[in-house]
Amino acid sequence: MSDACTTKRRTNREMAAFRQALFDIVERNHPCSGRQVYYVGIGSLWEKDRGGSRRSYNDAIRNLGHMRESGMIPWGWITDATRYVRIETMYASPQEALDRWSEAYRRDLWSQQPRRIEVWAESDSTSSLVESVTRPLGVGLYSCRGQASKEFAHNAASVYMSLGKPVTILYLGDWDPSGLAIPRSLEERLNRYSNDEIEIDFQRFAITPANVHDDDLQSHEVNTADRNYRRFAEECTLVGLAPQVAVEVEAMSPPLLRNRLERRLYDLVEDATMWNATLAAEESEREIFRRMATSGVSS
């Protein structure tokens, strides 16, 4: 579809075809953000040149909004982790509290493992992509929201110190100047705030040079005015990538990212016997709470 098509009014047939294509993308990739819909679908729906990118992006977001309001796309298929309500958890009655708590009860699956595992993401948008993987596995999911604050990093390091065992961090961030600078600064702070007393294995999980090389992801031009560009260009040269090319996490298919992350997290379970025993204990204890909830609360 040419850039001109994004600036003139579509016919009814063209609009129906365009929205059907949007629906197909969201159906394959949900939950995902509007930004991810744009990046994943750019090869078939929009021009790849930067000149039309803003218009075509707005075109996608506008139509996704209409499709949700009209019921064409379920609201839950498109995520927005940047806006949420802060309110205390409350219940209508003790019975409701028991009902909800019996279903929410979780054992700490990682407490008996020799290593703590966490996932850190560059943005809320990326976090929303993988929460459906990290939550069931009891893995901490941290969102840097750009450059993580010193307090945020210090609090995490304090937790590591209190646990006193090695930590593995899987990092999800863009392959661009800022996307490489953010985890570099974060890793330095975590080590410094923990006084280098805790082994922190900081791994870039996505976007990696291998993703850029092998996964045929949509790319865009690098902002060479970024103050981190020179170091980014040096790192690109070291791994055989063009320093003019940047790739965002949103360019990777959400199901592919989730599947890869889930496999990697399971690979990091070192004591499978203890893991399975903890899962069995969790289900047994949850059943006790279910029976308590079923028996009711005396008035």
C-alpha atoms as a PDB file:
ATOM      1  CA  MET A   1       0.000   0.000   0.000  1.00  0.00           C
ATOM      2  CA  SER A   2       1.562   3.294  -1.045  1.00  0.00           C
ATOM      3  CA  ASP A   3       2.033   6.256   1.244  1.00  0.00           C
ATOM      4  CA  ALA A   4      -0.493   8.162  -0.841  1.00  0.00           C
ATOM      5  CA  CYS A   5      -3.189   5.704   0.218  1.00  0.00           C
ATOM      6  CA  THR A   6      -2.717   6.747   3.826  1.00  0.00           C
ATOM      7  CA  THR A   7      -3.490  10.376   3.024  1.00  0.00           C
ATOM      8  CA  LYS A   8      -6.615  10.014   0.886  1.00  0.00           C
ATOM      9  CA  ARG A   9     -10.004   8.601   1.725  1.00  0.00           C
ATOM     10  CA  ARG A  10     -10.368   4.877   1.090  1.00  0.00           C
ATOM     11  CA  THR A  11     -13.314   3.343  -0.656  1.00  0.00           C
ATOM     12  CA  ASN A  12     -15.597   1.169   1.449  1.00  0.00           C
ATOM     13  CA  ARG A  13     -14.052  -1.927  -0.085  1.00  0.00           C
ATOM     14  CA  GLU A  14     -10.522  -0.710   0.593  1.00  0.00           C
ATOM     15  CA  MET A  15     -11.415   0.163   4.183  1.00  0.00           C
ATOM     16  CA  ALA A  16     -12.973  -3.251   4.770  1.00  0.00           C
ATOM     17  CA  ALA A  17      -9.873  -4.965   3.379  1.00  0.00           C
ATOM     18  CA  PHE A  18      -7.561  -2.770   5.444  1.00  0.00           C
ATOM     19  CA  ARG A  19      -9.439  -3.479   8.684  1.00  0.00           C
ATOM     20  CA  GLN A  20      -9.581  -7.185   7.917  1.00  0.00           C
ATOM     21  CA  ALA A  21      -5.802  -7.143   7.527  1.00  0.00           C
ATOM     22  CA  LEU A  22      -5.505  -5.343  10.868  1.00  0.00           C
ATOM     23  CA  PHE A  23      -7.803  -7.895  12.484  1.00  0.00           C
ATOM     24  CA  ASP A  24      -5.701 -10.775  11.137  1.00  0.00           C
ATOM     25  CA  ILE A  25      -2.523  -9.251  12.578  1.00  0.00           C
ATOM     26  CA  VAL A  26      -4.057  -8.687  16.009  1.00  0.00           C
ATOM     27  CA  GLU A  27      -5.651 -12.138  16.058  1.00  0.00           C
ATOM     28  CA  ARG A  28      -2.268 -13.765  15.433  1.00  0.00           C
ATOM     29  CA  ASN A  29      -0.319 -11.665  17.934  1.00  0.00           C
ATOM     30  CA  HIS A  30      -2.593 -10.685  20.836  1.00  0.00           C
ATOM     31  CA  PRO A  31      -2.133  -9.494  23.465  1.00  0.00           C
ATOM     32  CA  CYS A  32      -0.134  -6.722  21.828  1.00  0.00           C
ATOM     33  CA  SER A  33       0.003  -2.959  21.668  1.00  0.00           C
ATOM     34  CA  GLY A  34      -1.039  -0.754  18.776  1.00  0.00           C
ATOM     35  CA  ARG A  35       2.629  -0.005  18.182  1.00  0.00           C
ATOM     36  CA  GLN A  36       3.375  -3.703  17.844  1.00  0.00           C
ATOM     37  CA  VAL A  37       0.527  -4.132  15.374  1.00  0.00           C
ATOM     38  CA  TYR A  38       2.120  -1.434  13.241  1.00  0.00           C
ATOM     39  CA  TYR A  39       5.628  -2.911  13.332  1.00  0.00           C
ATOM     40  CA  VAL A  40       4.598  -6.528  12.805  1.00  0.00           C
ATOM     41  CA  GLY A  41       2.289  -5.615   9.906  1.00  0.00           C
ATOM     42  CA  ILE A  42       4.416  -2.998   8.217  1.00  0.00           C
ATOM     43  CA  GLY A  43       5.681  -5.327   5.506  1.00  0.00           C
ATOM     44  CA  SER A  44       2.222  -5.986   4.088  1.00  0.00           C
ATOM     45  CA  LEU A  45       0.201  -2.897   4.976  1.00  0.00           C
ATOM     46  CA  TRP A  46       2.447   0.149   5.030  1.00  0.00           C
ATOM     47  CA  GLU A  47       5.392   1.630   3.233  1.00  0.00           C
ATOM     48  CA  LYS A  48       8.750   1.037   4.935  1.00  0.00           C
ATOM     49  CA  ASP A  49      10.133   4.483   4.165  1.00  0.00           C
ATOM     50  CA  ARG A  50      10.350   6.939   7.078  1.00  0.00           C
ATOM     51  CA  GLY A  51       8.541   9.641   5.135  1.00  0.00           C
ATOM     52  CA  GLY A  52       5.133   8.024   5.583  1.00  0.00           C
ATOM     53  CA  SER A  53       5.704   6.239   8.863  1.00  0.00           C
ATOM     54  CA  ARG A  54       3.974   8.767  11.123  1.00  0.00           C
ATOM     55  CA  ARG A  55       0.893   9.008   8.921  1.00  0.00           C
ATOM     56  CA  SER A  56       0.599   5.243   8.519  1.00  0.00           C
ATOM     57  CA  TYR A  57       1.146   4.686  12.263  1.00  0.00           C
ATOM     58  CA  ASN A  58      -1.640   7.132  13.124  1.00  0.00           C
ATOM     59  CA  ASP A  59      -3.797   5.473  10.490  1.00  0.00           C
ATOM     60  CA  ALA A  60      -3.344   2.096  12.190  1.00  0.00           C
ATOM     61  CA  ILE A  61      -4.053   3.434  15.686  1.00  0.00           C
ATOM     62  CA  ARG A  62      -7.152   5.321  14.543  1.00  0.00           C
ATOM     63  CA  ASN A  63      -8.618   2.253  12.860  1.00  0.00           C
ATOM     64  CA  LEU A  64      -7.762  -0.049  15.759  1.00  0.00           C
ATOM     65  CA  GLY A  65      -9.646   2.332  18.038  1.00  0.00           C
ATOM     66  CA  HIS A  66     -12.700   2.234  15.797  1.00  0.00           C
ATOM     67  CA  MET A  67     -12.565  -1.556  15.563  1.00  0.00           C
ATOM     68  CA  ARG A  68     -12.517  -1.945  19.344  1.00  0.00           C
ATOM     69  CA  GLU A  69     -15.341   0.524  19.892  1.00  0.00           C
ATOM     70  CA  SER A  70     -17.452  -1.225  17.263  1.00  0.00           C
ATOM     71  CA  GLY A  71     -16.765  -4.675  18.680  1.00  0.00           C
ATOM     72  CA  MET A  72     -14.706  -5.914  15.732  1.00  0.00           C
ATOM     73  CA  ILE A  73     -11.696  -6.499  18.020  1.00  0.00           C
ATOM     74  CA  PRO A  74     -12.017  -7.516  21.698  1.00  0.00           C
ATOM     75  CA  TRP A  75     -10.662  -4.803  23.994  1.00  0.00           C
ATOM     76  CA  GLY A  76      -8.338  -7.233  25.731  1.00  0.00           C
ATOM     77  CA  TRP A  77      -6.458  -7.994  22.528  1.00  0.00           C
ATOM     78  CA  ILE A  78      -4.812  -4.551  22.554  1.00  0.00           C
ATOM     79  CA  THR A  79      -2.844  -3.655  25.680  1.00  0.00           C
ATOM     80  CA  ASP A  80      -1.925  -0.313  27.214  1.00  0.00           C
ATOM     81  CA  ALA A  81       0.318  -0.807  30.234  1.00  0.00           C
ATOM     82  CA  THR A  82       1.091   2.902  30.580  1.00  0.00           C
ATOM     83  CA  ARG A  83      -2.248   3.757  32.225  1.00  0.00           C
ATOM     84  CA  TYR A  84      -3.538   2.040  35.319  1.00  0.00           C
ATOM     85  CA  VAL A  85      -5.543   2.782  38.460  1.00  0.00           C
ATOM     86  CA  ARG A  86      -3.929   2.966  41.890  1.00  0.00           C
ATOM     87  CA  ILE A  87      -6.427   1.711  44.452  1.00  0.00           C
ATOM     88  CA  GLU A  88      -6.287  -0.492  47.514  1.00  0.00           C
ATOM     89  CA  THR A  89      -7.517  -4.068  47.113  1.00  0.00           C
ATOM     90  CA  MET A  90     -10.925  -4.291  48.801  1.00  0.00           C
ATOM     91  CA  TYR A  91     -13.654  -6.897  49.180  1.00  0.00           C
ATOM     92  CA  ALA A  92     -17.415  -6.833  49.613  1.00  0.00           C
ATOM     93  CA  SER A  93     -17.224  -9.454  52.367  1.00  0.00           C
ATOM     94  CA  PRO A  94     -14.892 -11.921  54.119  1.00  0.00           C
ATOM     95  CA  GLN A  95     -16.387 -14.640  51.907  1.00  0.00           C
ATOM     96  CA  GLU A  96     -15.360 -12.796  48.758  1.00  0.00           C
ATOM     97  CA  ALA A  97     -11.868 -12.325  50.180  1.00  0.00           C
ATOM     98  CA  LEU A  98     -11.578 -16.071  50.828  1.00  0.00           C
ATOM     99  CA  ASP A  99     -12.883 -16.910  47.342  1.00  0.00           C
ATOM    100  CA  ARG A 100     -10.432 -14.640  45.601  1.00  0.00           C
ATOM    101  CA  TRP A 101      -7.483 -15.509  47.795  1.00  0.00           C
ATOM    102  CA  SER A 102      -7.999 -19.241  47.358  1.00  0.00           C
ATOM    103  CA  GLU A 103      -7.567 -18.820  43.606  1.00  0.00           C
ATOM    104  CA  ALA A 104      -4.729 -16.300  43.854  1.00  0.00           C
ATOM    105  CA  TYR A 105      -2.567 -18.307  46.277  1.00  0.00           C
ATOM    106  CA  ARG A 106       0.911 -18.999  44.908  1.00  0.00           C
ATOM    107  CA  ARG A 107       4.019 -20.693  46.220  1.00  0.00           C
ATOM    108  CA  ASP A 108       7.326 -18.988  45.483  1.00  0.00           C
ATOM    109  CA  LEU A 109       8.579 -21.356  42.800  1.00  0.00           C
ATOM    110  CA  TRP A 110      12.067 -19.857  42.824  1.00  0.00           C
ATOM    111  CA  SER A 111      12.752 -19.654  46.568  1.00  0.00           C
ATOM    112  CA  GLN A 112      14.286 -23.128  46.619  1.00  0.00           C
ATOM    113  CA  GLN A 113      16.169 -22.686  43.359  1.00  0.00           C
ATOM    114  CA  PRO A 114      19.880 -21.831  43.586  1.00  0.00           C
ATOM    115  CA  ARG A 115      19.423 -18.701  41.468  1.00  0.00           C
ATOM    116  CA  ARG A 116      16.923 -15.827  41.319  1.00  0.00           C
ATOM    117  CA  ILE A 117      15.518 -15.128  37.843  1.00  0.00           C
ATOM    118  CA  GLU A 118      14.094 -11.797  36.670  1.00  0.00           C
ATOM    119  CA  VAL A 119      12.994 -10.188  33.410  1.00  0.00           C
ATOM    120  CA  TRP A 120      13.656  -6.485  32.848  1.00  0.00           C
ATOM    121  CA  ALA A 121      12.055  -4.584  29.962  1.00  0.00           C
ATOM    122  CA  GLU A 122      12.923  -1.227  28.470  1.00  0.00           C
ATOM    123  CA  SER A 123       9.294  -0.080  28.403  1.00  0.00           C
ATOM    124  CA  ASP A 124       5.815  -0.744  29.768  1.00  0.00           C
ATOM    125  CA  SER A 125       4.768  -1.709  26.254  1.00  0.00           C
ATOM    126  CA  THR A 126       7.319  -4.512  26.156  1.00  0.00           C
ATOM    127  CA  SER A 127       6.416  -5.620  29.691  1.00  0.00           C
ATOM    128  CA  SER A 128       2.782  -5.991  28.679  1.00  0.00           C
ATOM    129  CA  LEU A 129       3.872  -8.338  25.899  1.00  0.00           C
ATOM    130  CA  VAL A 130       5.477 -10.913  28.180  1.00  0.00           C
ATOM    131  CA  GLU A 131       3.539 -10.636  31.450  1.00  0.00           C
ATOM    132  CA  SER A 132       1.438 -13.624  30.411  1.00  0.00           C
ATOM    133  CA  VAL A 133       4.685 -15.635  30.495  1.00  0.00           C
ATOM    134  CA  THR A 134       6.359 -14.253  33.607  1.00  0.00           C
ATOM    135  CA  ARG A 135       3.289 -14.189  35.872  1.00  0.00           C
ATOM    136  CA  PRO A 136       2.416 -17.933  35.737  1.00  0.00           C
ATOM    137  CA  LEU A 137       6.076 -18.799  36.321  1.00  0.00           C
ATOM    138  CA  GLY A 138       6.387 -16.431  39.286  1.00  0.00           C
ATOM    139  CA  VAL A 139       9.188 -14.434  37.647  1.00  0.00           C
ATOM    140  CA  GLY A 140       9.671 -10.801  38.586  1.00  0.00           C
ATOM    141  CA  LEU A 141       8.997  -8.449  35.670  1.00  0.00           C
ATOM    142  CA  TYR A 142      10.546  -4.992  35.904  1.00  0.00           C
ATOM    143  CA  SER A 143       9.871  -2.076  33.541  1.00  0.00           C
ATOM    144  CA  CYS A 144      12.660   0.488  33.249  1.00  0.00           C
ATOM    145  CA  ARG A 145      10.487   3.045  31.433  1.00  0.00           C
ATOM    146  CA  GLY A 146      13.560   4.275  29.649  1.00  0.00           C
ATOM    147  CA  GLN A 147      16.563   4.817  31.856  1.00  0.00           C
ATOM    148  CA  ALA A 148      15.839   3.121  35.188  1.00  0.00           C
ATOM    149  CA  SER A 149      16.045   5.510  38.123  1.00  0.00           C
ATOM    150  CA  LYS A 150      18.761   5.145  40.730  1.00  0.00           C
ATOM    151  CA  GLU A 151      16.162   4.409  43.396  1.00  0.00           C
ATOM    152  CA  PHE A 152      14.573   1.679  41.277  1.00  0.00           C
ATOM    153  CA  ALA A 153      17.946   0.007  40.734  1.00  0.00           C
ATOM    154  CA  HIS A 154      18.937   0.457  44.382  1.00  0.00           C
ATOM    155  CA  ASN A 155      15.737  -1.202  45.595  1.00  0.00           C
ATOM    156  CA  ALA A 156      16.347  -4.178  43.313  1.00  0.00           C
ATOM    157  CA  ALA A 157      19.947  -4.480  44.487  1.00  0.00           C
ATOM    158  CA  SER A 158      18.769  -4.401  48.110  1.00  0.00           C
ATOM    159  CA  VAL A 159      16.513  -7.386  47.402  1.00  0.00           C
ATOM    160  CA  TYR A 160      19.453  -9.256  45.869  1.00  0.00           C
ATOM    161  CA  MET A 161      21.558  -8.531  48.939  1.00  0.00           C
ATOM    162  CA  SER A 162      18.856  -9.821  51.269  1.00  0.00           C
ATOM    163  CA  LEU A 163      18.485 -13.052  49.285  1.00  0.00           C
ATOM    164  CA  GLY A 164      22.196 -13.649  49.124  1.00  0.00           C
ATOM    165  CA  LYS A 165      22.196 -15.786  45.986  1.00  0.00           C
ATOM    166  CA  PRO A 166      23.107 -15.291  42.303  1.00  0.00           C
ATOM    167  CA  VAL A 167      20.726 -13.450  40.000  1.00  0.00           C
ATOM    168  CA  THR A 168      20.079 -13.888  36.290  1.00  0.00           C
ATOM    169  CA  ILE A 169      18.409 -10.986  34.483  1.00  0.00           C
ATOM    170  CA  LEU A 170      16.955 -11.385  30.994  1.00  0.00           C
ATOM    171  CA  TYR A 171      16.742  -7.956  29.377  1.00  0.00           C
ATOM    172  CA  LEU A 172      14.299  -6.947  26.632  1.00  0.00           C
ATOM    173  CA  GLY A 173      15.135  -3.733  24.813  1.00  0.00           C
ATOM    174  CA  ASP A 174      15.497  -2.081  21.414  1.00  0.00           C
ATOM    175  CA  TRP A 175      18.586  -2.441  19.262  1.00  0.00           C
ATOM    176  CA  ASP A 176      19.394   1.249  18.956  1.00  0.00           C
ATOM    177  CA  PRO A 177      21.681   3.753  20.742  1.00  0.00           C
ATOM    178  CA  SER A 178      19.420   4.239  23.769  1.00  0.00           C
ATOM    179  CA  GLY A 179      18.418   0.580  23.801  1.00  0.00           C
ATOM    180  CA  LEU A 180      22.038  -0.411  24.372  1.00  0.00           C
ATOM    181  CA  ALA A 181      22.856   2.442  26.762  1.00  0.00           C
ATOM    182  CA  ILE A 182      19.948   1.721  29.158  1.00  0.00           C
ATOM    183  CA  PRO A 183      20.921  -1.863  30.095  1.00  0.00           C
ATOM    184  CA  ARG A 184      24.604  -0.915  30.245  1.00  0.00           C
ATOM    185  CA  SER A 185      23.838   1.737  32.868  1.00  0.00           C
ATOM    186  CA  LEU A 186      21.387  -0.547  34.677  1.00  0.00           C
ATOM    187  CA  GLU A 187      23.873  -3.393  34.974  1.00  0.00           C
ATOM    188  CA  GLU A 188      26.542  -1.034  36.315  1.00  0.00           C
ATOM    189  CA  ARG A 189      24.176   0.369  38.959  1.00  0.00           C
ATOM    190  CA  LEU A 190      22.926  -3.017  40.094  1.00  0.00           C
ATOM    191  CA  ASN A 191      26.470  -4.252  40.593  1.00  0.00           C
ATOM    192  CA  ARG A 192      27.548  -1.055  42.348  1.00  0.00           C
ATOM    193  CA  TYR A 193      24.531  -0.873  44.662  1.00  0.00           C
ATOM    194  CA  SER A 194      24.967  -4.514  45.634  1.00  0.00           C
ATOM    195  CA  ASN A 195      28.639  -3.773  46.381  1.00  0.00           C
ATOM    196  CA  ASP A 196      29.618  -6.452  43.848  1.00  0.00           C
ATOM    197  CA  GLU A 197      28.794  -9.026  46.535  1.00  0.00           C
ATOM    198  CA  ILE A 198      26.134 -10.756  44.425  1.00  0.00           C
ATOM    199  CA  GLU A 199      26.804 -12.476  41.126  1.00  0.00           C
ATOM    200  CA  ILE A 200      24.545 -10.766  38.578  1.00  0.00           C
ATOM    201  CA  ASP A 201      24.365 -12.520  35.221  1.00  0.00           C
ATOM    202  CA  PHE A 202      22.913  -9.824  32.963  1.00  0.00           C
ATOM    203  CA  GLN A 203      21.798 -11.263  29.620  1.00  0.00           C
ATOM    204  CA  ARG A 204      20.398  -9.353  26.671  1.00  0.00           C
ATOM    205  CA  PHE A 205      17.529 -11.558  25.520  1.00  0.00           C
ATOM    206  CA  ALA A 206      16.017  -9.309  22.822  1.00  0.00           C
ATOM    207  CA  ILE A 207      16.722  -7.533  20.592  1.00  0.00           C
ATOM    208  CA  THR A 208      20.093  -9.212  20.036  1.00  0.00           C
ATOM    209  CA  PRO A 209      22.517  -9.098  17.094  1.00  0.00           C
ATOM    210  CA  ALA A 210      21.297 -12.602  16.199  1.00  0.00           C
ATOM    211  CA  ASN A 211      17.711 -11.313  16.034  1.00  0.00           C
ATOM    212  CA  VAL A 212      18.789  -8.535  13.673  1.00  0.00           C
ATOM    213  CA  HIS A 213      20.834 -10.968  11.569  1.00  0.00           C
ATOM    214  CA  ASP A 214      18.415 -13.873  11.360  1.00  0.00           C
ATOM    215  CA  ASP A 215      14.816 -12.923  12.195  1.00  0.00           C
ATOM    216  CA  ASP A 216      13.978 -10.633   9.262  1.00  0.00           C
ATOM    217  CA  LEU A 217      12.611  -7.920  11.548  1.00  0.00           C
ATOM    218  CA  GLN A 218      11.375  -4.525  10.393  1.00  0.00           C
ATOM    219  CA  SER A 219      14.108  -1.937  10.922  1.00  0.00           C
ATOM    220  CA  HIS A 220      14.360   1.837  10.748  1.00  0.00           C
ATOM    221  CA  GLU A 221      17.103   4.424  10.460  1.00  0.00           C
ATOM    222  CA  VAL A 222      19.159   5.211  13.547  1.00  0.00           C
ATOM    223  CA  ASN A 223      19.031   8.649  15.121  1.00  0.00           C
ATOM    224  CA  THR A 224      22.659   9.617  14.623  1.00  0.00           C
ATOM    225  CA  ALA A 225      22.141  12.709  16.786  1.00  0.00           C
ATOM    226  CA  ASP A 226      21.622  10.473  19.832  1.00  0.00           C
ATOM    227  CA  ARG A 227      24.489  11.069  22.259  1.00  0.00           C
ATOM    228  CA  ASN A 228      24.889   7.287  22.534  1.00  0.00           C
ATOM    229  CA  TYR A 229      25.256   6.810  18.791  1.00  0.00           C
ATOM    230  CA  ARG A 230      29.059   6.610  18.640  1.00  0.00           C
ATOM    231  CA  ARG A 231      29.232   3.746  21.106  1.00  0.00           C
ATOM    232  CA  PHE A 232      26.288   2.058  19.405  1.00  0.00           C
ATOM    233  CA  ALA A 233      28.117   2.243  16.063  1.00  0.00           C
ATOM    234  CA  GLU A 234      31.208   0.691  17.663  1.00  0.00           C
ATOM    235  CA  GLU A 235      29.192  -2.214  19.042  1.00  0.00           C
ATOM    236  CA  CYS A 236      27.474  -2.733  15.680  1.00  0.00           C
ATOM    237  CA  THR A 237      30.851  -2.955  13.979  1.00  0.00           C
ATOM    238  CA  LEU A 238      31.995  -5.568  16.499  1.00  0.00           C
ATOM    239  CA  VAL A 239      29.029  -7.836  15.743  1.00  0.00           C
ATOM    240  CA  GLY A 240      28.925  -7.230  11.999  1.00  0.00           C
ATOM    241  CA  LEU A 241      25.824  -5.025  11.822  1.00  0.00           C
ATOM    242  CA  ALA A 242      25.269  -1.799   9.946  1.00  0.00           C
ATOM    243  CA  PRO A 243      25.342   1.136  12.411  1.00  0.00           C
ATOM    244  CA  GLN A 244      22.584   2.863  10.415  1.00  0.00           C
ATOM    245  CA  VAL A 245      19.994   0.182  11.288  1.00  0.00           C
ATOM    246  CA  ALA A 246      17.856   0.049  14.437  1.00  0.00           C
ATOM    247  CA  VAL A 247      15.274  -2.557  15.440  1.00  0.00           C
ATOM    248  CA  GLU A 248      12.639  -2.194  18.148  1.00  0.00           C
ATOM    249  CA  VAL A 249      11.326  -5.017  20.341  1.00  0.00           C
ATOM    250  CA  GLU A 250       7.881  -4.337  18.857  1.00  0.00           C
ATOM    251  CA  ALA A 251       9.184  -5.560  15.501  1.00  0.00           C
ATOM    252  CA  MET A 252       9.345  -9.142  16.796  1.00  0.00           C
ATOM    253  CA  SER A 253       6.178 -11.177  16.591  1.00  0.00           C
ATOM    254  CA  PRO A 254       4.687 -11.210  20.132  1.00  0.00           C
ATOM    255  CA  PRO A 255       3.941 -14.976  20.074  1.00  0.00           C
ATOM    256  CA  LEU A 256       7.518 -15.655  18.953  1.00  0.00           C
ATOM    257  CA  LEU A 257       8.923 -13.456  21.726  1.00  0.00           C
ATOM    258  CA  ARG A 258       6.697 -15.071  24.355  1.00  0.00           C
ATOM    259  CA  ASN A 259       7.513 -18.605  23.219  1.00  0.00           C
ATOM    260  CA  ARG A 260      11.242 -17.964  23.228  1.00  0.00           C
ATOM    261  CA  LEU A 261      11.129 -16.325  26.638  1.00  0.00           C
ATOM    262  CA  GLU A 262       9.079 -19.150  28.148  1.00  0.00           C
ATOM    263  CA  ARG A 263      11.545 -21.754  26.870  1.00  0.00           C
ATOM    264  CA  ARG A 264      14.473 -19.760  28.213  1.00  0.00           C
ATOM    265  CA  LEU A 265      12.900 -19.392  31.663  1.00  0.00           C
ATOM    266  CA  TYR A 266      12.261 -23.117  31.893  1.00  0.00           C
ATOM    267  CA  ASP A 267      15.875 -23.703  30.859  1.00  0.00           C
ATOM    268  CA  LEU A 268      16.944 -21.639  33.890  1.00  0.00           C
ATOM    269  CA  VAL A 269      15.215 -24.015  36.328  1.00  0.00           C
ATOM    270  CA  GLU A 270      18.256 -25.776  37.776  1.00  0.00           C
ATOM    271  CA  ASP A 271      16.551 -28.069  40.284  1.00  0.00           C
ATOM    272  CA  ALA A 272      13.650 -29.666  38.418  1.00  0.00           C
ATOM    273  CA  THR A 273      12.843 -32.041  41.289  1.00  0.00           C
ATOM    274  CA  MET A 274      12.363 -29.171  43.724  1.00  0.00           C
ATOM    275  CA  TRP A 275      10.400 -27.194  41.114  1.00  0.00           C
ATOM    276  CA  ASN A 276       7.906 -30.022  40.635  1.00  0.00           C
ATOM    277  CA  ALA A 277       7.630 -30.598  44.388  1.00  0.00           C
ATOM    278  CA  THR A 278       6.862 -26.902  44.918  1.00  0.00           C
ATOM    279  CA  LEU A 279       4.166 -26.987  42.225  1.00  0.00           C
ATOM    280  CA  ALA A 280       2.575 -30.035  43.865  1.00  0.00           C
ATOM    281  CA  ALA A 281       2.625 -28.356  47.279  1.00  0.00           C
ATOM    282  CA  GLU A 282       1.071 -25.218  45.785  1.00  0.00           C
ATOM    283  CA  GLU A 283      -1.858 -27.133  44.321  1.00  0.00           C
ATOM    284  CA  SER A 284      -2.384 -29.084  47.541  1.00  0.00           C
ATOM    285  CA  GLU A 285      -2.409 -25.905  49.621  1.00  0.00           C
ATOM    286  CA  ARG A 286      -4.652 -24.112  47.160  1.00  0.00           C
ATOM    287  CA  GLU A 287      -7.151 -26.948  47.521  1.00  0.00           C
ATOM    288  CA  ILE A 288      -7.143 -26.431  51.302  1.00  0.00           C
ATOM    289  CA  PHE A 289      -8.004 -22.771  50.776  1.00  0.00           C
ATOM    290  CA  ARG A 290     -10.734 -23.700  48.296  1.00  0.00           C
ATOM    291  CA  ARG A 291     -12.328 -25.945  50.890  1.00  0.00           C
ATOM    292  CA  MET A 292     -12.101 -23.140  53.447  1.00  0.00           C
ATOM    293  CA  ALA A 293     -13.787 -20.784  51.009  1.00  0.00           C
ATOM    294  CA  THR A 294     -16.488 -23.328  50.188  1.00  0.00           C
ATOM    295  CA  SER A 295     -17.263 -23.884  53.882  1.00  0.00           C
ATOM    296  CA  GLY A 296     -18.039 -20.176  54.195  1.00  0.00           C
ATOM    297  CA  VAL A 297     -17.362 -17.611  56.886  1.00  0.00           C
ATOM    298  CA  SER A 298     -19.300 -17.568  60.135  1.00  0.00           C
ATOM    299  CA  SER A 299     -21.207 -14.372  60.733  1.00  0.00           C
END
